Amino acid sequence: MFAEPLALMGGAASAGEPLAVLPVLFHLLWSHELTAEMSQPLSAGSLVSSGVIR
């Protein structure tokens, strides 16, 4: 889902029911399996990727 940078909520909605998917995405972010653009606070529009975001 996040091979290319995608907004957090957009990716969650594409993967399934966001309320069920978001805890998994947060876990993947916490364990560094996914990365996020952190120049701004994490939000629905934050870019998330499985690689380095440039």
C-alpha atoms as a PDB file:
ATOM      1  CA  MET A   1       0.000   0.000   0.000  1.00  0.00           C
ATOM      2  CA  PHE A   2       2.762   2.472   0.927  1.00  0.00           C
ATOM      3  CA  ALA A   3       5.414   1.588  -1.677  1.00  0.00           C
ATOM      4  CA  GLU A   4       5.089   5.216  -2.808  1.00  0.00           C
ATOM      5  CA  PRO A   5       4.364   8.006  -0.290  1.00  0.00           C
ATOM      6  CA  LEU A   6       0.650   8.220   0.444  1.00  0.00           C
ATOM      7  CA  ALA A   7      -1.396  10.246   2.931  1.00  0.00           C
ATOM      8  CA  LEU A   8      -1.961   8.353   6.186  1.00  0.00           C
ATOM      9  CA  MET A   9      -5.775   8.365   6.004  1.00  0.00           C
ATOM     10  CA  GLY A  10      -5.816   7.709   2.263  1.00  0.00           C
ATOM     11  CA  GLY A  11      -3.703   4.600   2.740  1.00  0.00           C
ATOM     12  CA  ALA A  12      -5.750   3.488   5.737  1.00  0.00           C
ATOM     13  CA  ALA A  13      -8.991   3.844   3.780  1.00  0.00           C
ATOM     14  CA  SER A  14      -7.508   1.949   0.823  1.00  0.00           C
ATOM     15  CA  ALA A  15      -6.423  -0.922   3.072  1.00  0.00           C
ATOM     16  CA  GLY A  16      -9.797  -1.336   4.804  1.00  0.00           C
ATOM     17  CA  GLU A  17     -11.861   0.169   7.590  1.00  0.00           C
ATOM     18  CA  PRO A  18      -9.677   3.026   8.929  1.00  0.00           C
ATOM     19  CA  LEU A  19     -10.591   2.363  12.574  1.00  0.00           C
ATOM     20  CA  ALA A  20      -9.312  -1.195  12.201  1.00  0.00           C
ATOM     21  CA  VAL A  21      -6.294  -0.312  10.045  1.00  0.00           C
ATOM     22  CA  LEU A  22      -4.918   2.748  11.888  1.00  0.00           C
ATOM     23  CA  PRO A  23      -3.636   0.841  14.953  1.00  0.00           C
ATOM     24  CA  VAL A  24      -1.667  -1.450  12.626  1.00  0.00           C
ATOM     25  CA  LEU A  25      -0.258   1.541  10.718  1.00  0.00           C
ATOM     26  CA  PHE A  26       0.761   3.251  13.970  1.00  0.00           C
ATOM     27  CA  HIS A  27       2.481   0.031  15.069  1.00  0.00           C
ATOM     28  CA  LEU A  28       4.331  -0.155  11.742  1.00  0.00           C
ATOM     29  CA  LEU A  29       5.406   3.475  12.123  1.00  0.00           C
ATOM     30  CA  TRP A  30       6.545   2.845  15.713  1.00  0.00           C
ATOM     31  CA  SER A  31       8.557  -0.220  14.670  1.00  0.00           C
ATOM     32  CA  HIS A  32      10.071   1.662  11.695  1.00  0.00           C
ATOM     33  CA  GLU A  33       8.527  -0.649   9.086  1.00  0.00           C
ATOM     34  CA  LEU A  34       6.880   2.503   7.687  1.00  0.00           C
ATOM     35  CA  THR A  35       8.250   6.034   7.713  1.00  0.00           C
ATOM     36  CA  ALA A  36       6.433   9.350   7.822  1.00  0.00           C
ATOM     37  CA  GLU A  37       7.296  12.912   6.908  1.00  0.00           C
ATOM     38  CA  MET A  38       7.832  14.430  10.344  1.00  0.00           C
ATOM     39  CA  SER A  39       8.552  18.067   9.484  1.00  0.00           C
ATOM     40  CA  GLN A  40       4.952  18.658  10.688  1.00  0.00           C
ATOM     41  CA  PRO A  41       2.985  16.847  13.425  1.00  0.00           C
ATOM     42  CA  LEU A  42       1.521  13.504  12.343  1.00  0.00           C
ATOM     43  CA  SER A  43      -1.934  14.045  10.852  1.00  0.00           C
ATOM     44  CA  ALA A  44      -4.394  12.504   8.396  1.00  0.00           C
ATOM     45  CA  GLY A  45      -2.500  14.102   5.505  1.00  0.00           C
ATOM     46  CA  SER A  46       1.001  13.085   6.615  1.00  0.00           C
ATOM     47  CA  LEU A  47       2.899  11.228   3.918  1.00  0.00           C
ATOM     48  CA  VAL A  48       3.694   7.634   4.868  1.00  0.00           C
ATOM     49  CA  SER A  49       5.934   5.264   2.939  1.00  0.00           C
ATOM     50  CA  SER A  50       7.690   1.932   3.257  1.00  0.00           C
ATOM     51  CA  GLY A  51      10.913   3.686   2.216  1.00  0.00           C
ATOM     52  CA  VAL A  52      12.664   6.960   2.905  1.00  0.00           C
ATOM     53  CA  ILE A  53      10.517  10.009   2.100  1.00  0.00           C
ATOM     54  CA  ARG A  54      12.462  12.696   0.254  1.00  0.00           C
END
